[in-house]
Amino acid sequence: MEKNKNYLSLKKLSLKLGADLFGAADISGIKNDFLLSADILKKIKTVVCLGLGLSRGVLDDLQDEPTRLYFHHYRTVNATLDQAALAVSHYIQKKGFLSIPIPASQIIDWQSQKAHLSHKKIGYLAGLGWIGRNNLLVNKNLGSQFRLVSILTDMPLKTGRPLQKDCGECRSCVRICPSAAIKDNPAGFDHQACLEKLKEFQKKRLVDQYICGLCVKACRGNRT
């Protein structure tokens, strides 16, 4: 009862803050992968995950490379998520529980593409979508056209379960990928090829960090 009540309270707050997606995940099986102190890892039990949709118009403006407009929008959505995560984290803390907001976009090691945790893995465990051929979380309504943020906590929460879904026959991201990193089998995603293309875009000063957006543009989930 307490878990469900807490879940509904956080969901109501998150949606009020503008989130399009909300879920909570049991991370007992993966929390040792998190780049956090051992003391914190012992305390956390669940992770709250929020998602915010990207502008379809901004994405539609992308042709064969990222744009300055997309770069600004990407950062703005991440910042908005960080503010929402801060508010949710503060609410949890006021209720007497531990809460740690993890930035929406903070890569610690770009070469190995490691962050404090994987938001997409949290979203997957929370039942917000499945891991697509594009190596991103795919939601049935938003496709991959959203960003995520996570909040670690020891608050008792109802948690979701992974969806038994996949991309089916859709290969839109395979066709549009400028680095040919996306393969027919999601497990075959070529991380290094993707990273090298991101470096190329950054060197051309198209954007100031390693982002692309083309496979995000192509991935629409179950939308027509």
C-alpha atoms as a PDB file:
ATOM      1  CA  MET A   1       0.000   0.000   0.000  1.00  0.00           C
ATOM      2  CA  GLU A   2       2.776   2.405   0.946  1.00  0.00           C
ATOM      3  CA  LYS A   3       4.689   1.635  -2.239  1.00  0.00           C
ATOM      4  CA  ASN A   4       1.670   2.375  -4.423  1.00  0.00           C
ATOM      5  CA  LYS A   5       0.837   5.580  -2.532  1.00  0.00           C
ATOM      6  CA  ASN A   6       4.389   6.877  -2.869  1.00  0.00           C
ATOM      7  CA  TYR A   7       4.456   5.946  -6.555  1.00  0.00           C
ATOM      8  CA  LEU A   8       1.229   7.802  -7.296  1.00  0.00           C
ATOM      9  CA  SER A   9       2.385  10.881  -5.379  1.00  0.00           C
ATOM     10  CA  LEU A  10       5.640  11.077  -7.309  1.00  0.00           C
ATOM     11  CA  LYS A  11       3.890  10.439 -10.618  1.00  0.00           C
ATOM     12  CA  LYS A  12       1.387  13.217  -9.971  1.00  0.00           C
ATOM     13  CA  LEU A  13       4.193  15.640  -9.103  1.00  0.00           C
ATOM     14  CA  SER A  14       6.291  14.618 -12.111  1.00  0.00           C
ATOM     15  CA  LEU A  15       3.445  15.068 -14.583  1.00  0.00           C
ATOM     16  CA  LYS A  16       2.629  18.432 -13.015  1.00  0.00           C
ATOM     17  CA  LEU A  17       6.255  19.422 -13.612  1.00  0.00           C
ATOM     18  CA  GLY A  18       5.794  18.621 -17.302  1.00  0.00           C
ATOM     19  CA  ALA A  19       7.160  15.088 -17.629  1.00  0.00           C
ATOM     20  CA  ASP A  20       5.737  12.992 -20.459  1.00  0.00           C
ATOM     21  CA  LEU A  21       6.974   9.691 -19.036  1.00  0.00           C
ATOM     22  CA  PHE A  22       7.192   8.422 -15.455  1.00  0.00           C
ATOM     23  CA  GLY A  23       8.256   5.114 -13.999  1.00  0.00           C
ATOM     24  CA  ALA A  24      10.193   3.441 -11.210  1.00  0.00           C
ATOM     25  CA  ALA A  25      12.621   0.555 -11.489  1.00  0.00           C
ATOM     26  CA  ASP A  26      13.990  -2.119  -9.191  1.00  0.00           C
ATOM     27  CA  ILE A  27      17.743  -1.800  -9.727  1.00  0.00           C
ATOM     28  CA  SER A  28      18.932  -4.492  -7.323  1.00  0.00           C
ATOM     29  CA  GLY A  29      20.463  -6.450 -10.181  1.00  0.00           C
ATOM     30  CA  ILE A  30      22.347  -3.565 -11.820  1.00  0.00           C
ATOM     31  CA  LYS A  31      23.212  -0.992  -9.165  1.00  0.00           C
ATOM     32  CA  ASN A  32      26.774  -2.250  -8.868  1.00  0.00           C
ATOM     33  CA  ASP A  33      27.249  -0.916 -12.397  1.00  0.00           C
ATOM     34  CA  PHE A  34      26.571   2.605 -11.134  1.00  0.00           C
ATOM     35  CA  LEU A  35      29.550   4.936 -10.739  1.00  0.00           C
ATOM     36  CA  LEU A  36      28.725   5.954  -7.174  1.00  0.00           C
ATOM     37  CA  SER A  37      30.174   5.367  -3.732  1.00  0.00           C
ATOM     38  CA  ALA A  38      29.734   2.015  -2.023  1.00  0.00           C
ATOM     39  CA  ASP A  39      27.947   3.700   0.885  1.00  0.00           C
ATOM     40  CA  ILE A  40      25.272   5.105  -1.414  1.00  0.00           C
ATOM     41  CA  LEU A  41      24.895   1.873  -3.337  1.00  0.00           C
ATOM     42  CA  LYS A  42      24.092   0.044  -0.110  1.00  0.00           C
ATOM     43  CA  LYS A  43      21.212   2.430   0.626  1.00  0.00           C
ATOM     44  CA  ILE A  44      19.411   2.884  -2.670  1.00  0.00           C
ATOM     45  CA  LYS A  45      16.591   0.517  -3.555  1.00  0.00           C
ATOM     46  CA  THR A  46      14.813   2.009  -6.531  1.00  0.00           C
ATOM     47  CA  VAL A  47      15.277   4.606  -9.249  1.00  0.00           C
ATOM     48  CA  VAL A  48      12.608   7.022 -10.438  1.00  0.00           C
ATOM     49  CA  CYS A  49      12.778   7.781 -14.168  1.00  0.00           C
ATOM     50  CA  LEU A  50      11.270  10.810 -15.921  1.00  0.00           C
ATOM     51  CA  GLY A  51      11.055  11.415 -19.658  1.00  0.00           C
ATOM     52  CA  LEU A  52      10.438  14.597 -21.644  1.00  0.00           C
ATOM     53  CA  GLY A  53       9.589  14.598 -25.337  1.00  0.00           C
ATOM     54  CA  LEU A  54      11.687  16.409 -27.915  1.00  0.00           C
ATOM     55  CA  SER A  55      10.248  18.869 -30.438  1.00  0.00           C
ATOM     56  CA  ARG A  56       9.190  17.019 -33.581  1.00  0.00           C
ATOM     57  CA  GLY A  57       9.653  20.231 -35.542  1.00  0.00           C
ATOM     58  CA  VAL A  58      13.260  20.621 -34.464  1.00  0.00           C
ATOM     59  CA  LEU A  59      13.933  16.979 -35.309  1.00  0.00           C
ATOM     60  CA  ASP A  60      12.215  17.267 -38.703  1.00  0.00           C
ATOM     61  CA  ASP A  61      14.626  20.098 -39.550  1.00  0.00           C
ATOM     62  CA  LEU A  62      17.550  17.655 -39.358  1.00  0.00           C
ATOM     63  CA  GLN A  63      18.701  16.422 -42.770  1.00  0.00           C
ATOM     64  CA  ASP A  64      22.014  14.534 -42.838  1.00  0.00           C
ATOM     65  CA  GLU A  65      23.763  16.036 -39.805  1.00  0.00           C
ATOM     66  CA  PRO A  66      22.968  17.771 -36.498  1.00  0.00           C
ATOM     67  CA  THR A  67      22.147  21.487 -36.399  1.00  0.00           C
ATOM     68  CA  ARG A  68      22.838  24.300 -33.960  1.00  0.00           C
ATOM     69  CA  LEU A  69      19.067  24.478 -33.372  1.00  0.00           C
ATOM     70  CA  TYR A  70      18.944  20.814 -32.369  1.00  0.00           C
ATOM     71  CA  PHE A  71      21.990  21.246 -30.139  1.00  0.00           C
ATOM     72  CA  HIS A  72      20.340  24.131 -28.264  1.00  0.00           C
ATOM     73  CA  HIS A  73      17.051  22.228 -27.967  1.00  0.00           C
ATOM     74  CA  TYR A  74      18.857  19.106 -26.727  1.00  0.00           C
ATOM     75  CA  ARG A  75      20.544  21.100 -23.953  1.00  0.00           C
ATOM     76  CA  THR A  76      17.328  22.904 -23.026  1.00  0.00           C
ATOM     77  CA  VAL A  77      15.375  19.659 -22.652  1.00  0.00           C
ATOM     78  CA  ASN A  78      18.176  18.182 -20.531  1.00  0.00           C
ATOM     79  CA  ALA A  79      18.209  21.274 -18.307  1.00  0.00           C
ATOM     80  CA  THR A  80      14.421  21.131 -17.936  1.00  0.00           C
ATOM     81  CA  LEU A  81      14.654  17.487 -16.896  1.00  0.00           C
ATOM     82  CA  ASP A  82      17.366  18.310 -14.384  1.00  0.00           C
ATOM     83  CA  GLN A  83      15.118  20.952 -12.831  1.00  0.00           C
ATOM     84  CA  ALA A  84      12.219  18.481 -12.630  1.00  0.00           C
ATOM     85  CA  ALA A  85      14.490  15.842 -11.072  1.00  0.00           C
ATOM     86  CA  LEU A  86      15.661  18.392  -8.509  1.00  0.00           C
ATOM     87  CA  ALA A  87      12.057  19.163  -7.534  1.00  0.00           C
ATOM     88  CA  VAL A  88      11.140  15.475  -7.257  1.00  0.00           C
ATOM     89  CA  SER A  89      14.322  14.775  -5.302  1.00  0.00           C
ATOM     90  CA  HIS A  90      13.554  17.616  -2.914  1.00  0.00           C
ATOM     91  CA  TYR A  91      10.027  16.258  -2.377  1.00  0.00           C
ATOM     92  CA  ILE A  92      11.398  12.791  -1.583  1.00  0.00           C
ATOM     93  CA  GLN A  93      13.939  14.245   0.843  1.00  0.00           C
ATOM     94  CA  LYS A  94      11.265  16.259   2.655  1.00  0.00           C
ATOM     95  CA  LYS A  95       9.422  12.974   3.177  1.00  0.00           C
ATOM     96  CA  GLY A  96      12.463  11.686   5.046  1.00  0.00           C
ATOM     97  CA  PHE A  97      14.056   9.521   2.373  1.00  0.00           C
ATOM     98  CA  LEU A  98      17.359   9.549   0.539  1.00  0.00           C
ATOM     99  CA  SER A  99      17.237  11.093  -2.944  1.00  0.00           C
ATOM    100  CA  ILE A 100      19.988  11.654  -5.490  1.00  0.00           C
ATOM    101  CA  PRO A 101      19.153  13.275  -8.851  1.00  0.00           C
ATOM    102  CA  ILE A 102      21.430  12.051 -11.654  1.00  0.00           C
ATOM    103  CA  PRO A 103      21.956  14.578 -14.508  1.00  0.00           C
ATOM    104  CA  ALA A 104      20.118  13.939 -17.758  1.00  0.00           C
ATOM    105  CA  SER A 105      23.314  14.288 -19.751  1.00  0.00           C
ATOM    106  CA  GLN A 106      26.640  14.002 -17.984  1.00  0.00           C
ATOM    107  CA  ILE A 107      29.105  11.617 -19.591  1.00  0.00           C
ATOM    108  CA  ILE A 108      32.097  10.876 -17.392  1.00  0.00           C
ATOM    109  CA  ASP A 109      34.128   8.972 -19.980  1.00  0.00           C
ATOM    110  CA  TRP A 110      33.224   9.639 -23.624  1.00  0.00           C
ATOM    111  CA  GLN A 111      35.603   7.066 -25.073  1.00  0.00           C
ATOM    112  CA  SER A 112      33.889   4.278 -23.168  1.00  0.00           C
ATOM    113  CA  GLN A 113      30.611   6.249 -23.144  1.00  0.00           C
ATOM    114  CA  LYS A 114      30.080   5.861 -19.402  1.00  0.00           C
ATOM    115  CA  ALA A 115      27.931   7.983 -17.105  1.00  0.00           C
ATOM    116  CA  HIS A 116      26.948   7.569 -13.452  1.00  0.00           C
ATOM    117  CA  LEU A 117      24.265   5.190 -14.703  1.00  0.00           C
ATOM    118  CA  SER A 118      22.370   4.329 -17.854  1.00  0.00           C
ATOM    119  CA  HIS A 119      19.074   6.236 -17.990  1.00  0.00           C
ATOM    120  CA  LYS A 120      17.860   4.075 -20.869  1.00  0.00           C
ATOM    121  CA  LYS A 121      18.481   0.907 -18.841  1.00  0.00           C
ATOM    122  CA  ILE A 122      16.504   2.400 -15.951  1.00  0.00           C
ATOM    123  CA  GLY A 123      13.700   3.315 -18.343  1.00  0.00           C
ATOM    124  CA  TYR A 124      13.749  -0.208 -19.758  1.00  0.00           C
ATOM    125  CA  LEU A 125      13.490  -1.788 -16.305  1.00  0.00           C
ATOM    126  CA  ALA A 126      10.699   0.641 -15.401  1.00  0.00           C
ATOM    127  CA  GLY A 127       8.691  -0.537 -18.405  1.00  0.00           C
ATOM    128  CA  LEU A 128       8.848   2.745 -20.313  1.00  0.00           C
ATOM    129  CA  GLY A 129      10.043   1.112 -23.530  1.00  0.00           C
ATOM    130  CA  TRP A 130      12.422  -1.359 -25.126  1.00  0.00           C
ATOM    131  CA  ILE A 131      16.000  -1.099 -26.383  1.00  0.00           C
ATOM    132  CA  GLY A 132      15.795  -0.562 -30.129  1.00  0.00           C
ATOM    133  CA  ARG A 133      18.124  -1.208 -33.032  1.00  0.00           C
ATOM    134  CA  ASN A 134      19.383   2.358 -32.546  1.00  0.00           C
ATOM    135  CA  ASN A 135      20.702   1.407 -29.086  1.00  0.00           C
ATOM    136  CA  LEU A 136      18.228   3.845 -27.533  1.00  0.00           C
ATOM    137  CA  LEU A 137      15.111   3.361 -25.430  1.00  0.00           C
ATOM    138  CA  VAL A 138      12.031   3.219 -27.670  1.00  0.00           C
ATOM    139  CA  ASN A 139       8.655   4.190 -26.223  1.00  0.00           C
ATOM    140  CA  LYS A 140       5.508   3.044 -28.034  1.00  0.00           C
ATOM    141  CA  ASN A 141       4.132   6.598 -28.277  1.00  0.00           C
ATOM    142  CA  LEU A 142       7.265   8.762 -28.452  1.00  0.00           C
ATOM    143  CA  GLY A 143       9.662   6.453 -30.252  1.00  0.00           C
ATOM    144  CA  SER A 144      13.151   7.599 -29.221  1.00  0.00           C
ATOM    145  CA  GLN A 145      12.148  11.259 -29.402  1.00  0.00           C
ATOM    146  CA  PHE A 146      12.625  12.024 -25.725  1.00  0.00           C
ATOM    147  CA  ARG A 147      15.281  12.513 -23.071  1.00  0.00           C
ATOM    148  CA  LEU A 148      15.493  10.883 -19.621  1.00  0.00           C
ATOM    149  CA  VAL A 149      16.608  11.729 -16.101  1.00  0.00           C
ATOM    150  CA  SER A 150      16.806   9.532 -12.989  1.00  0.00           C
ATOM    151  CA  ILE A 151      16.508   9.932  -9.218  1.00  0.00           C
ATOM    152  CA  LEU A 152      17.992   7.332  -6.876  1.00  0.00           C
ATOM    153  CA  THR A 153      16.114   6.742  -3.638  1.00  0.00           C
ATOM    154  CA  ASP A 154      15.406   4.400  -0.744  1.00  0.00           C
ATOM    155  CA  MET A 155      11.732   5.411  -0.723  1.00  0.00           C
ATOM    156  CA  PRO A 156       9.484   2.315  -1.003  1.00  0.00           C
ATOM    157  CA  LEU A 157       7.968   2.427  -4.499  1.00  0.00           C
ATOM    158  CA  LYS A 158       5.932   0.241  -6.794  1.00  0.00           C
ATOM    159  CA  THR A 159       8.193  -0.689  -9.707  1.00  0.00           C
ATOM    160  CA  GLY A 160       7.552  -1.540 -13.332  1.00  0.00           C
ATOM    161  CA  ARG A 161       8.689  -4.460 -15.468  1.00  0.00           C
ATOM    162  CA  PRO A 162      10.463  -4.617 -18.835  1.00  0.00           C
ATOM    163  CA  LEU A 163       8.161  -4.760 -21.846  1.00  0.00           C
ATOM    164  CA  GLN A 164       8.185  -7.807 -24.066  1.00  0.00           C
ATOM    165  CA  LYS A 165       8.365  -5.751 -27.253  1.00  0.00           C
ATOM    166  CA  ASP A 166      10.873  -4.881 -29.963  1.00  0.00           C
ATOM    167  CA  CYS A 167      11.155  -2.831 -33.153  1.00  0.00           C
ATOM    168  CA  GLY A 168       9.504  -5.487 -35.274  1.00  0.00           C
ATOM    169  CA  GLU A 169       9.944  -4.826 -38.990  1.00  0.00           C
ATOM    170  CA  CYS A 170      10.846  -1.141 -38.573  1.00  0.00           C
ATOM    171  CA  ARG A 171      14.335  -0.259 -39.824  1.00  0.00           C
ATOM    172  CA  SER A 172      13.995   3.508 -40.241  1.00  0.00           C
ATOM    173  CA  CYS A 173      17.016   4.176 -38.029  1.00  0.00           C
ATOM    174  CA  VAL A 174      19.129   1.657 -39.952  1.00  0.00           C
ATOM    175  CA  ARG A 175      18.518   3.503 -43.207  1.00  0.00           C
ATOM    176  CA  ILE A 176      19.219   6.990 -41.865  1.00  0.00           C
ATOM    177  CA  CYS A 177      22.323   6.310 -39.724  1.00  0.00           C
ATOM    178  CA  PRO A 178      25.261   8.298 -41.228  1.00  0.00           C
ATOM    179  CA  SER A 179      27.860   5.958 -39.723  1.00  0.00           C
ATOM    180  CA  ALA A 180      26.182   2.625 -40.548  1.00  0.00           C
ATOM    181  CA  ALA A 181      26.501   1.850 -36.831  1.00  0.00           C
ATOM    182  CA  ILE A 182      22.944   0.532 -36.551  1.00  0.00           C
ATOM    183  CA  LYS A 183      22.529  -3.095 -37.550  1.00  0.00           C
ATOM    184  CA  ASP A 184      19.554  -5.371 -38.058  1.00  0.00           C
ATOM    185  CA  ASN A 185      20.284  -7.062 -34.739  1.00  0.00           C
ATOM    186  CA  PRO A 186      20.196  -4.555 -31.830  1.00  0.00           C
ATOM    187  CA  ALA A 187      23.105  -6.415 -30.199  1.00  0.00           C
ATOM    188  CA  GLY A 188      25.266  -5.580 -33.209  1.00  0.00           C
ATOM    189  CA  PHE A 189      25.201  -1.812 -32.685  1.00  0.00           C
ATOM    190  CA  ASP A 190      28.666  -0.440 -33.519  1.00  0.00           C
ATOM    191  CA  HIS A 191      29.474   1.947 -30.658  1.00  0.00           C
ATOM    192  CA  GLN A 192      32.870   2.890 -32.059  1.00  0.00           C
ATOM    193  CA  ALA A 193      31.519   3.800 -35.505  1.00  0.00           C
ATOM    194  CA  CYS A 194      28.863   5.946 -33.867  1.00  0.00           C
ATOM    195  CA  LEU A 195      31.410   7.697 -31.661  1.00  0.00           C
ATOM    196  CA  GLU A 196      33.717   8.451 -34.589  1.00  0.00           C
ATOM    197  CA  LYS A 197      30.857  10.085 -36.502  1.00  0.00           C
ATOM    198  CA  LEU A 198      29.952  12.144 -33.439  1.00  0.00           C
ATOM    199  CA  LYS A 199      33.562  13.310 -33.221  1.00  0.00           C
ATOM    200  CA  GLU A 200      33.410  14.287 -36.886  1.00  0.00           C
ATOM    201  CA  PHE A 201      30.301  16.395 -36.343  1.00  0.00           C
ATOM    202  CA  GLN A 202      31.905  18.073 -33.322  1.00  0.00           C
ATOM    203  CA  LYS A 203      35.117  18.860 -35.226  1.00  0.00           C
ATOM    204  CA  LYS A 204      33.059  20.518 -37.963  1.00  0.00           C
ATOM    205  CA  ARG A 205      31.662  22.767 -35.199  1.00  0.00           C
ATOM    206  CA  LEU A 206      28.118  21.736 -36.030  1.00  0.00           C
ATOM    207  CA  VAL A 207      27.585  21.059 -32.330  1.00  0.00           C
ATOM    208  CA  ASP A 208      29.718  21.478 -29.223  1.00  0.00           C
ATOM    209  CA  GLN A 209      29.358  17.970 -27.877  1.00  0.00           C
ATOM    210  CA  TYR A 210      28.954  14.467 -29.228  1.00  0.00           C
ATOM    211  CA  ILE A 211      25.356  14.326 -30.477  1.00  0.00           C
ATOM    212  CA  CYS A 212      23.717  13.518 -33.803  1.00  0.00           C
ATOM    213  CA  GLY A 213      19.923  13.132 -33.609  1.00  0.00           C
ATOM    214  CA  LEU A 214      19.261  11.436 -36.949  1.00  0.00           C
ATOM    215  CA  CYS A 215      18.217   8.059 -35.568  1.00  0.00           C
ATOM    216  CA  VAL A 216      16.139   9.909 -32.966  1.00  0.00           C
ATOM    217  CA  LYS A 217      14.358  11.741 -35.793  1.00  0.00           C
ATOM    218  CA  ALA A 218      13.660   8.444 -37.569  1.00  0.00           C
ATOM    219  CA  CYS A 219      12.335   6.571 -34.527  1.00  0.00           C
ATOM    220  CA  ARG A 220       8.611   7.247 -34.009  1.00  0.00           C
ATOM    221  CA  GLY A 221       7.542   4.172 -32.055  1.00  0.00           C
ATOM    222  CA  ASN A 222       4.040   3.114 -33.002  1.00  0.00           C
ATOM    223  CA  ARG A 223       3.133   6.550 -34.382  1.00  0.00           C
ATOM    224  CA  THR A 224       2.317   6.780 -38.066  1.00  0.00           C
END
